[in-house]
Amino acid sequence: MPSKLLDYDILSEIGSGSYGTCKKIRRRSDNKILVWKELDYGKMTEVEKQMLVSEVNLLRELKHPHIVRYYDRIIDRSNTTIYIVMEFCEGGDLGALIAKHRREKRFIEEEFVVKIMNQLVEALQECHRRKDGAHVLHRDLKPANVFLDNNDNVKLGDFGLARVLQHDTSLPKHLLGHHTTCHRNK
């Protein structure tokens, strides 16, 4: 049975961007905390809508312990809104962690930096070595798009600017760049 908006409770707004907002939600069936990226496709051109579908399909295919997990999508045609339901990363993002350490004039421990880098490399390897022969280029790799779970494990996210390179061509298929800020500490 497809998900509906009523299957979730909105807990708080996490952030917003040019096309929509990101909200922390609770799935009613099991009380699991997730996020959804709320995007108004009514403001998009037909090409942008097709690119949005491509991004959702890409998110659905990327399954790795160090990539933010996609759960579902809900389309509300009456409000021309799509909700992309994803894993919530309790640890926030790496950009916020770096900013906190700067404010407190503290260094991030070297062991932690090595752990982050190793896990990030694993996530990127998954993107670059897909079984279908296509390669996903993230194209917006920055601390704000590297999320942390409650055990400080890396979760690469925000694939809005990603490109998919097919194995038979070097020409990328562009995916829509709708920046929304998700997984901030709130």
N, C-alpha and C. Protein backbone atom coordinates (compact mmCIF):
# COMPACT_ATOMS: atom_id res chain seq x y z
N MET A 1 0.84 -1.19 0.00
CA MET A 1 0.00 0.00 0.00
C MET A 1 0.88 1.25 0.00
N PRO A 2 0.64 2.20 -0.90
CA PRO A 2 1.49 3.39 -0.98
C PRO A 2 1.35 4.27 0.27
N SER A 3 2.42 4.96 0.58
CA SER A 3 2.41 5.87 1.73
C SER A 3 1.55 7.08 1.43
N LYS A 4 1.00 7.64 2.51
CA LYS A 4 0.22 8.86 2.42
C LYS A 4 0.77 9.84 3.44
N LEU A 5 0.45 11.11 3.24
CA LEU A 5 0.89 12.13 4.18
C LEU A 5 0.42 11.83 5.60
N LEU A 6 -0.76 11.24 5.72
CA LEU A 6 -1.31 10.94 7.04
C LEU A 6 -0.56 9.82 7.76
N ASP A 7 0.35 9.14 7.05
CA ASP A 7 1.16 8.09 7.67
C ASP A 7 2.28 8.68 8.53
N TYR A 8 2.44 10.02 8.50
CA TYR A 8 3.55 10.68 9.18
C TYR A 8 3.06 11.87 10.01
N ASP A 9 3.79 12.13 11.09
CA ASP A 9 3.58 13.34 11.89
C ASP A 9 4.78 14.24 11.68
N ILE A 10 4.53 15.53 11.43
CA ILE A 10 5.62 16.49 11.28
C ILE A 10 6.07 16.91 12.68
N LEU A 11 7.38 16.82 12.93
CA LEU A 11 7.93 17.19 14.24
C LEU A 11 8.53 18.59 14.23
N SER A 12 9.29 18.91 13.18
CA SER A 12 9.91 20.24 13.11
C SER A 12 10.45 20.48 11.71
N GLU A 13 10.66 21.77 11.39
CA GLU A 13 11.32 22.12 10.14
C GLU A 13 12.81 22.14 10.39
N ILE A 14 13.56 21.52 9.50
CA ILE A 14 15.01 21.45 9.65
C ILE A 14 15.70 22.52 8.83
N GLY A 15 15.21 22.76 7.62
CA GLY A 15 15.84 23.76 6.77
C GLY A 15 15.01 23.98 5.52
N SER A 16 15.47 24.93 4.70
CA SER A 16 14.75 25.20 3.46
C SER A 16 15.73 25.63 2.38
N GLY A 17 15.26 25.55 1.14
CA GLY A 17 16.09 25.92 0.01
C GLY A 17 15.24 26.50 -1.09
N SER A 18 15.80 26.57 -2.29
CA SER A 18 15.15 27.26 -3.39
C SER A 18 13.86 26.59 -3.86
N TYR A 19 13.73 25.28 -3.72
CA TYR A 19 12.53 24.60 -4.19
C TYR A 19 11.63 24.08 -3.07
N GLY A 20 12.10 24.07 -1.84
CA GLY A 20 11.25 23.51 -0.81
C GLY A 20 11.90 23.49 0.56
N THR A 21 11.34 22.65 1.42
CA THR A 21 11.80 22.56 2.80
C THR A 21 12.10 21.12 3.17
N CYS A 22 12.80 20.98 4.28
CA CYS A 22 13.12 19.67 4.82
C CYS A 22 12.57 19.63 6.24
N LYS A 23 11.82 18.57 6.54
CA LYS A 23 11.18 18.47 7.86
C LYS A 23 11.49 17.13 8.52
N LYS A 24 11.65 17.20 9.83
CA LYS A 24 11.81 16.00 10.65
C LYS A 24 10.40 15.46 10.89
N ILE A 25 10.23 14.15 10.65
CA ILE A 25 8.91 13.53 10.75
C ILE A 25 8.98 12.23 11.54
N ARG A 26 7.81 11.76 11.96
CA ARG A 26 7.71 10.46 12.64
C ARG A 26 6.72 9.61 11.85
N ARG A 27 7.16 8.40 11.48
CA ARG A 27 6.27 7.47 10.79
C ARG A 27 5.35 6.85 11.84
N ARG A 28 4.07 6.96 11.66
CA ARG A 28 3.09 6.50 12.66
C ARG A 28 3.10 5.00 12.88
N SER A 29 3.37 4.22 11.85
CA SER A 29 3.29 2.77 11.96
C SER A 29 4.29 2.18 12.95
N ASP A 30 5.46 2.81 13.08
CA ASP A 30 6.49 2.26 13.96
C ASP A 30 7.25 3.32 14.77
N ASN A 31 6.79 4.57 14.71
CA ASN A 31 7.41 5.70 15.42
C ASN A 31 8.84 6.00 14.97
N LYS A 32 9.23 5.52 13.82
CA LYS A 32 10.58 5.78 13.30
C LYS A 32 10.70 7.25 12.91
N ILE A 33 11.81 7.87 13.34
CA ILE A 33 12.08 9.26 13.01
C ILE A 33 12.79 9.30 11.65
N LEU A 34 12.27 10.11 10.75
CA LEU A 34 12.79 10.26 9.39
C LEU A 34 12.79 11.74 9.03
N VAL A 35 13.16 12.05 7.81
CA VAL A 35 13.00 13.41 7.28
C VAL A 35 12.29 13.29 5.94
N TRP A 36 11.64 14.36 5.56
CA TRP A 36 11.18 14.43 4.19
C TRP A 36 11.57 15.75 3.58
N LYS A 37 11.92 15.65 2.33
CA LYS A 37 12.28 16.80 1.52
C LYS A 37 11.00 17.13 0.74
N GLU A 38 10.45 18.30 1.01
CA GLU A 38 9.18 18.74 0.45
C GLU A 38 9.48 19.66 -0.73
N LEU A 39 9.13 19.26 -1.94
CA LEU A 39 9.48 20.03 -3.14
C LEU A 39 8.23 20.39 -3.93
N ASP A 40 8.10 21.66 -4.26
CA ASP A 40 6.96 22.15 -5.05
C ASP A 40 7.27 21.98 -6.53
N TYR A 41 6.77 20.91 -7.12
CA TYR A 41 7.06 20.67 -8.53
C TYR A 41 6.18 21.54 -9.44
N GLY A 42 5.20 22.22 -8.87
CA GLY A 42 4.35 23.12 -9.65
C GLY A 42 5.11 24.32 -10.19
N LYS A 43 6.21 24.67 -9.54
CA LYS A 43 7.05 25.80 -9.97
C LYS A 43 8.14 25.37 -10.94
N MET A 44 8.20 24.08 -11.24
CA MET A 44 9.27 23.55 -12.08
C MET A 44 8.84 23.46 -13.54
N THR A 45 9.82 23.56 -14.43
CA THR A 45 9.57 23.33 -15.85
C THR A 45 9.42 21.83 -16.07
N GLU A 46 8.95 21.44 -17.24
CA GLU A 46 8.82 20.01 -17.55
C GLU A 46 10.16 19.30 -17.47
N VAL A 47 11.20 19.96 -17.95
CA VAL A 47 12.55 19.37 -17.89
C VAL A 47 12.97 19.17 -16.44
N GLU A 48 12.72 20.16 -15.59
CA GLU A 48 13.07 20.05 -14.17
C GLU A 48 12.28 18.93 -13.51
N LYS A 49 11.02 18.77 -13.88
CA LYS A 49 10.21 17.68 -13.32
C LYS A 49 10.80 16.32 -13.70
N GLN A 50 11.22 16.19 -14.96
CA GLN A 50 11.83 14.94 -15.40
C GLN A 50 13.13 14.68 -14.64
N MET A 51 13.87 15.75 -14.38
CA MET A 51 15.12 15.60 -13.63
C MET A 51 14.83 15.20 -12.18
N LEU A 52 13.75 15.72 -11.62
CA LEU A 52 13.36 15.36 -10.27
C LEU A 52 13.03 13.87 -10.19
N VAL A 53 12.30 13.37 -11.17
CA VAL A 53 11.99 11.94 -11.23
C VAL A 53 13.28 11.13 -11.29
N SER A 54 14.24 11.61 -12.09
CA SER A 54 15.53 10.92 -12.19
C SER A 54 16.25 10.89 -10.85
N GLU A 55 16.20 12.02 -10.11
CA GLU A 55 16.86 12.04 -8.81
C GLU A 55 16.21 11.06 -7.85
N VAL A 56 14.88 11.03 -7.83
CA VAL A 56 14.18 10.10 -6.94
C VAL A 56 14.55 8.67 -7.29
N ASN A 57 14.60 8.36 -8.57
CA ASN A 57 14.99 7.01 -9.00
C ASN A 57 16.41 6.69 -8.57
N LEU A 58 17.31 7.66 -8.68
CA LEU A 58 18.69 7.47 -8.26
C LEU A 58 18.75 7.20 -6.76
N LEU A 59 18.06 8.00 -5.97
CA LEU A 59 18.06 7.82 -4.52
C LEU A 59 17.55 6.43 -4.14
N ARG A 60 16.54 5.98 -4.85
CA ARG A 60 15.95 4.67 -4.56
C ARG A 60 16.95 3.54 -4.81
N GLU A 61 17.84 3.73 -5.80
CA GLU A 61 18.81 2.69 -6.16
C GLU A 61 20.05 2.68 -5.27
N LEU A 62 20.43 3.82 -4.71
CA LEU A 62 21.66 3.91 -3.92
C LEU A 62 21.42 3.34 -2.53
N LYS A 63 21.98 2.18 -2.27
CA LYS A 63 21.83 1.53 -0.97
C LYS A 63 23.21 1.19 -0.44
N HIS A 64 23.61 1.89 0.60
CA HIS A 64 24.93 1.67 1.19
C HIS A 64 24.89 2.20 2.62
N PRO A 65 25.62 1.58 3.55
CA PRO A 65 25.60 2.03 4.95
C PRO A 65 26.07 3.48 5.14
N HIS A 66 26.80 4.03 4.16
CA HIS A 66 27.32 5.39 4.31
C HIS A 66 26.69 6.37 3.32
N ILE A 67 25.50 6.03 2.85
CA ILE A 67 24.71 6.93 2.01
C ILE A 67 23.34 7.07 2.67
N VAL A 68 22.83 8.30 2.77
CA VAL A 68 21.53 8.53 3.38
C VAL A 68 20.50 7.65 2.67
N ARG A 69 19.76 6.89 3.46
CA ARG A 69 18.82 5.91 2.91
C ARG A 69 17.51 6.57 2.48
N TYR A 70 17.08 6.21 1.29
CA TYR A 70 15.78 6.63 0.76
C TYR A 70 14.74 5.63 1.23
N TYR A 71 13.57 6.13 1.67
CA TYR A 71 12.50 5.24 2.09
C TYR A 71 11.30 5.26 1.15
N ASP A 72 10.90 6.45 0.73
CA ASP A 72 9.65 6.52 -0.02
C ASP A 72 9.51 7.90 -0.66
N ARG A 73 8.48 8.01 -1.48
CA ARG A 73 8.10 9.31 -2.01
C ARG A 73 6.58 9.36 -2.03
N ILE A 74 6.07 10.55 -1.75
CA ILE A 74 4.63 10.77 -1.75
C ILE A 74 4.37 11.94 -2.68
N ILE A 75 3.43 11.78 -3.57
CA ILE A 75 3.08 12.86 -4.49
C ILE A 75 1.71 13.39 -4.11
N ASP A 76 1.65 14.69 -3.82
CA ASP A 76 0.40 15.38 -3.52
C ASP A 76 0.06 16.25 -4.73
N ARG A 77 -0.74 15.71 -5.62
CA ARG A 77 -1.06 16.41 -6.87
C ARG A 77 -1.88 17.68 -6.62
N SER A 78 -2.70 17.69 -5.59
CA SER A 78 -3.53 18.87 -5.32
C SER A 78 -2.69 20.08 -4.94
N ASN A 79 -1.53 19.85 -4.32
CA ASN A 79 -0.63 20.95 -3.93
C ASN A 79 0.64 20.97 -4.77
N THR A 80 0.70 20.16 -5.82
CA THR A 80 1.88 20.01 -6.69
C THR A 80 3.17 19.87 -5.87
N THR A 81 3.12 18.98 -4.89
CA THR A 81 4.26 18.78 -3.99
C THR A 81 4.65 17.31 -3.97
N ILE A 82 5.96 17.07 -4.00
CA ILE A 82 6.48 15.71 -3.80
C ILE A 82 7.24 15.71 -2.48
N TYR A 83 7.06 14.65 -1.72
CA TYR A 83 7.74 14.47 -0.44
C TYR A 83 8.68 13.28 -0.59
N ILE A 84 9.97 13.52 -0.45
CA ILE A 84 10.95 12.44 -0.54
C ILE A 84 11.33 12.07 0.90
N VAL A 85 10.96 10.86 1.31
CA VAL A 85 11.17 10.40 2.69
C VAL A 85 12.52 9.69 2.78
N MET A 86 13.35 10.17 3.72
CA MET A 86 14.72 9.65 3.86
C MET A 86 15.08 9.43 5.32
N GLU A 87 16.19 8.78 5.50
CA GLU A 87 16.77 8.53 6.81
C GLU A 87 17.09 9.85 7.52
N PHE A 88 16.82 9.90 8.82
CA PHE A 88 17.19 11.06 9.63
C PHE A 88 18.54 10.78 10.27
N CYS A 89 19.43 11.73 10.16
CA CYS A 89 20.78 11.59 10.74
C CYS A 89 20.86 12.45 11.99
N GLU A 90 20.79 11.78 13.14
CA GLU A 90 20.72 12.46 14.43
C GLU A 90 21.93 13.34 14.72
N GLY A 91 23.07 13.00 14.15
CA GLY A 91 24.30 13.73 14.44
C GLY A 91 24.46 15.03 13.67
N GLY A 92 23.47 15.38 12.85
CA GLY A 92 23.57 16.61 12.07
C GLY A 92 24.54 16.44 10.91
N ASP A 93 25.13 17.54 10.49
CA ASP A 93 26.05 17.47 9.37
C ASP A 93 27.46 17.88 9.80
N LEU A 94 28.40 17.50 8.98
CA LEU A 94 29.82 17.75 9.27
C LEU A 94 30.12 19.24 9.31
N GLY A 95 29.44 20.03 8.47
CA GLY A 95 29.65 21.48 8.47
C GLY A 95 29.32 22.10 9.82
N ALA A 96 28.21 21.68 10.42
CA ALA A 96 27.82 22.19 11.73
C ALA A 96 28.82 21.74 12.80
N LEU A 97 29.31 20.51 12.69
CA LEU A 97 30.29 20.01 13.65
C LEU A 97 31.59 20.81 13.57
N ILE A 98 32.04 21.09 12.35
CA ILE A 98 33.26 21.89 12.17
C ILE A 98 33.06 23.29 12.74
N ALA A 99 31.91 23.90 12.45
CA ALA A 99 31.62 25.25 12.96
C ALA A 99 31.61 25.26 14.49
N LYS A 100 31.03 24.23 15.09
CA LYS A 100 31.00 24.14 16.56
C LYS A 100 32.42 24.07 17.12
N HIS A 101 33.25 23.25 16.51
CA HIS A 101 34.64 23.14 16.99
C HIS A 101 35.39 24.45 16.81
N ARG A 102 35.12 25.17 15.74
CA ARG A 102 35.77 26.48 15.54
C ARG A 102 35.34 27.46 16.63
N ARG A 103 34.04 27.51 16.90
CA ARG A 103 33.53 28.42 17.94
C ARG A 103 34.17 28.11 19.29
N GLU A 104 34.32 26.83 19.57
CA GLU A 104 34.88 26.41 20.85
C GLU A 104 36.40 26.35 20.83
N LYS A 105 36.99 26.71 19.67
CA LYS A 105 38.45 26.72 19.50
C LYS A 105 39.07 25.38 19.88
N ARG A 106 38.42 24.31 19.35
CA ARG A 106 38.90 22.95 19.58
C ARG A 106 39.17 22.28 18.24
N PHE A 107 40.09 21.35 18.25
CA PHE A 107 40.37 20.55 17.07
C PHE A 107 39.49 19.31 17.07
N ILE A 108 39.20 18.81 15.89
CA ILE A 108 38.51 17.53 15.77
C ILE A 108 39.59 16.46 15.84
N GLU A 109 39.36 15.44 16.63
CA GLU A 109 40.38 14.41 16.83
C GLU A 109 40.75 13.73 15.52
N GLU A 110 42.04 13.48 15.36
CA GLU A 110 42.56 12.88 14.13
C GLU A 110 41.92 11.53 13.84
N GLU A 111 41.72 10.72 14.86
CA GLU A 111 41.11 9.40 14.68
C GLU A 111 39.70 9.53 14.07
N PHE A 112 38.96 10.54 14.52
CA PHE A 112 37.62 10.78 14.01
C PHE A 112 37.67 11.25 12.55
N VAL A 113 38.62 12.11 12.22
CA VAL A 113 38.79 12.59 10.85
C VAL A 113 39.10 11.41 9.92
N VAL A 114 39.97 10.52 10.34
CA VAL A 114 40.32 9.34 9.53
C VAL A 114 39.09 8.47 9.32
N LYS A 115 38.31 8.26 10.37
CA LYS A 115 37.08 7.47 10.27
C LYS A 115 36.13 8.10 9.25
N ILE A 116 35.93 9.40 9.33
CA ILE A 116 35.04 10.10 8.40
C ILE A 116 35.53 9.95 6.96
N MET A 117 36.82 10.16 6.76
CA MET A 117 37.37 10.07 5.40
C MET A 117 37.23 8.66 4.84
N ASN A 118 37.51 7.65 5.64
CA ASN A 118 37.38 6.27 5.17
C ASN A 118 35.93 5.95 4.78
N GLN A 119 34.99 6.36 5.61
CA GLN A 119 33.59 6.08 5.32
C GLN A 119 33.09 6.87 4.11
N LEU A 120 33.58 8.07 3.96
CA LEU A 120 33.22 8.89 2.81
C LEU A 120 33.75 8.26 1.51
N VAL A 121 34.96 7.75 1.57
CA VAL A 121 35.53 7.05 0.41
C VAL A 121 34.68 5.83 0.06
N GLU A 122 34.22 5.09 1.06
CA GLU A 122 33.37 3.92 0.80
C GLU A 122 32.07 4.34 0.11
N ALA A 123 31.47 5.44 0.57
CA ALA A 123 30.23 5.93 -0.04
C ALA A 123 30.47 6.34 -1.49
N LEU A 124 31.56 7.03 -1.73
CA LEU A 124 31.87 7.48 -3.10
C LEU A 124 32.20 6.29 -4.01
N GLN A 125 32.87 5.28 -3.46
CA GLN A 125 33.14 4.07 -4.25
C GLN A 125 31.84 3.42 -4.69
N GLU A 126 30.86 3.39 -3.80
CA GLU A 126 29.55 2.83 -4.15
C GLU A 126 28.92 3.62 -5.29
N CYS A 127 29.04 4.92 -5.24
CA CYS A 127 28.49 5.77 -6.31
C CYS A 127 29.22 5.54 -7.63
N HIS A 128 30.52 5.37 -7.56
CA HIS A 128 31.34 5.29 -8.77
C HIS A 128 31.42 3.90 -9.37
N ARG A 129 31.08 2.87 -8.60
CA ARG A 129 31.23 1.48 -9.07
C ARG A 129 29.91 0.73 -9.02
N ARG A 130 28.91 1.26 -9.63
CA ARG A 130 27.60 0.61 -9.58
C ARG A 130 27.54 -0.58 -10.52
N LYS A 131 26.74 -1.56 -10.14
CA LYS A 131 26.63 -2.81 -10.90
C LYS A 131 26.04 -2.60 -12.29
N ASP A 132 25.18 -1.59 -12.45
CA ASP A 132 24.55 -1.37 -13.75
C ASP A 132 25.48 -0.67 -14.74
N GLY A 133 26.70 -0.38 -14.31
CA GLY A 133 27.66 0.25 -15.19
C GLY A 133 27.61 1.76 -15.18
N ALA A 134 26.55 2.33 -14.63
CA ALA A 134 26.46 3.78 -14.54
C ALA A 134 27.26 4.25 -13.33
N HIS A 135 27.76 5.45 -13.41
CA HIS A 135 28.53 6.03 -12.32
C HIS A 135 27.84 7.31 -11.87
N VAL A 136 27.67 7.46 -10.57
CA VAL A 136 27.05 8.66 -10.02
C VAL A 136 28.14 9.60 -9.54
N LEU A 137 28.13 10.81 -10.07
CA LEU A 137 29.04 11.86 -9.61
C LEU A 137 28.25 12.79 -8.71
N HIS A 138 28.64 12.92 -7.46
CA HIS A 138 27.88 13.71 -6.50
C HIS A 138 27.87 15.19 -6.87
N ARG A 139 29.00 15.77 -7.19
CA ARG A 139 29.18 17.14 -7.65
C ARG A 139 28.92 18.23 -6.62
N ASP A 140 28.58 17.88 -5.41
CA ASP A 140 28.37 18.91 -4.38
C ASP A 140 28.88 18.39 -3.04
N LEU A 141 30.05 17.78 -3.09
CA LEU A 141 30.64 17.19 -1.89
C LEU A 141 31.21 18.31 -1.03
N LYS A 142 30.62 18.50 0.12
CA LYS A 142 31.06 19.53 1.07
C LYS A 142 30.58 19.10 2.45
N PRO A 143 31.16 19.66 3.50
CA PRO A 143 30.80 19.24 4.86
C PRO A 143 29.29 19.30 5.15
N ALA A 144 28.58 20.26 4.59
CA ALA A 144 27.14 20.38 4.84
C ALA A 144 26.34 19.24 4.23
N ASN A 145 26.92 18.49 3.29
CA ASN A 145 26.23 17.36 2.67
C ASN A 145 26.75 16.01 3.17
N VAL A 146 27.57 16.04 4.20
CA VAL A 146 28.06 14.83 4.85
C VAL A 146 27.40 14.79 6.22
N PHE A 147 26.49 13.84 6.40
CA PHE A 147 25.71 13.76 7.63
C PHE A 147 26.28 12.69 8.55
N LEU A 148 25.89 12.77 9.82
CA LEU A 148 26.38 11.83 10.83
C LEU A 148 25.20 11.20 11.55
N ASP A 149 25.28 9.89 11.76
CA ASP A 149 24.23 9.23 12.53
C ASP A 149 24.54 9.37 14.02
N ASN A 150 23.77 8.70 14.86
CA ASN A 150 23.98 8.84 16.31
C ASN A 150 25.26 8.18 16.80
N ASN A 151 25.93 7.40 15.94
CA ASN A 151 27.22 6.80 16.29
C ASN A 151 28.37 7.49 15.55
N ASP A 152 28.10 8.67 15.02
CA ASP A 152 29.09 9.45 14.26
C ASP A 152 29.60 8.73 13.02
N ASN A 153 28.75 7.91 12.42
CA ASN A 153 29.08 7.30 11.13
C ASN A 153 28.61 8.22 10.02
N VAL A 154 29.38 8.26 8.93
CA VAL A 154 29.09 9.12 7.79
C VAL A 154 27.90 8.61 7.01
N LYS A 155 27.09 9.57 6.53
CA LYS A 155 25.98 9.30 5.61
C LYS A 155 26.04 10.40 4.55
N LEU A 156 26.50 10.06 3.36
CA LEU A 156 26.57 11.03 2.27
C LEU A 156 25.16 11.31 1.78
N GLY A 157 24.83 12.59 1.64
CA GLY A 157 23.48 12.96 1.23
C GLY A 157 23.45 14.10 0.25
N ASP A 158 22.25 14.57 0.00
CA ASP A 158 21.93 15.66 -0.92
C ASP A 158 22.52 15.42 -2.31
N PHE A 159 21.87 14.54 -3.04
CA PHE A 159 22.30 14.21 -4.39
C PHE A 159 21.61 15.07 -5.44
N GLY A 160 21.13 16.25 -5.04
CA GLY A 160 20.40 17.13 -5.94
C GLY A 160 21.19 17.62 -7.14
N LEU A 161 22.51 17.71 -7.04
CA LEU A 161 23.33 18.16 -8.17
C LEU A 161 24.06 17.01 -8.85
N ALA A 162 23.73 15.80 -8.48
CA ALA A 162 24.46 14.63 -8.99
C ALA A 162 24.30 14.49 -10.50
N ARG A 163 25.27 13.84 -11.09
CA ARG A 163 25.23 13.47 -12.51
C ARG A 163 25.38 11.96 -12.59
N VAL A 164 24.68 11.38 -13.53
CA VAL A 164 24.82 9.95 -13.78
C VAL A 164 25.56 9.80 -15.11
N LEU A 165 26.68 9.10 -15.07
CA LEU A 165 27.42 8.80 -16.30
C LEU A 165 27.11 7.36 -16.68
N GLN A 166 26.56 7.16 -17.85
CA GLN A 166 26.28 5.81 -18.32
C GLN A 166 27.58 5.17 -18.76
N HIS A 167 27.66 3.86 -18.67
CA HIS A 167 28.90 3.16 -19.03
C HIS A 167 29.23 3.29 -20.51
N ASP A 168 28.23 3.56 -21.34
CA ASP A 168 28.48 3.62 -22.78
C ASP A 168 28.72 5.03 -23.30
N THR A 169 28.78 6.01 -22.42
CA THR A 169 28.98 7.39 -22.86
C THR A 169 29.68 8.18 -21.77
N SER A 170 30.34 9.22 -22.17
CA SER A 170 30.96 10.10 -21.18
C SER A 170 30.11 11.34 -20.96
N LEU A 171 28.94 11.43 -21.64
CA LEU A 171 28.08 12.58 -21.45
C LEU A 171 27.19 12.36 -20.24
N PRO A 172 27.23 13.26 -19.28
CA PRO A 172 26.44 13.07 -18.07
C PRO A 172 24.96 13.36 -18.30
N LYS A 173 24.14 12.68 -17.54
CA LYS A 173 22.73 13.00 -17.48
C LYS A 173 22.56 13.85 -16.23
N HIS A 174 22.19 15.10 -16.40
CA HIS A 174 22.08 16.02 -15.27
C HIS A 174 20.86 15.69 -14.42
N LEU A 175 21.04 15.88 -13.15
CA LEU A 175 19.92 15.77 -12.23
C LEU A 175 19.69 17.13 -11.60
N LEU A 176 18.50 17.36 -11.20
CA LEU A 176 18.08 18.65 -10.71
C LEU A 176 18.82 19.07 -9.46
N GLY A 177 19.21 20.32 -9.39
CA GLY A 177 19.88 20.87 -8.22
C GLY A 177 18.91 21.67 -7.38
N HIS A 178 18.14 21.02 -6.56
CA HIS A 178 17.25 21.76 -5.66
C HIS A 178 17.83 21.64 -4.27
N HIS A 179 18.43 22.71 -3.85
CA HIS A 179 19.13 22.71 -2.57
C HIS A 179 18.14 22.86 -1.43
N THR A 180 18.10 21.88 -0.59
CA THR A 180 17.39 22.01 0.67
C THR A 180 18.34 21.55 1.75
N THR A 181 18.27 22.20 2.85
CA THR A 181 19.16 21.88 3.95
C THR A 181 18.48 20.87 4.85
N CYS A 182 18.97 19.64 4.84
CA CYS A 182 18.39 18.58 5.66
C CYS A 182 19.36 18.15 6.75
N HIS A 183 18.84 17.54 7.76
CA HIS A 183 19.61 16.89 8.82
C HIS A 183 20.40 17.88 9.69
N ARG A 184 19.99 19.11 9.75
CA ARG A 184 20.66 20.04 10.65
C ARG A 184 20.28 19.67 12.08
N ASN A 185 21.13 20.01 13.01
CA ASN A 185 20.83 19.71 14.41
C ASN A 185 19.66 20.56 14.88
N LYS A 186 18.55 19.92 15.15
CA LYS A 186 17.36 20.62 15.67
C LYS A 186 16.61 19.69 16.57
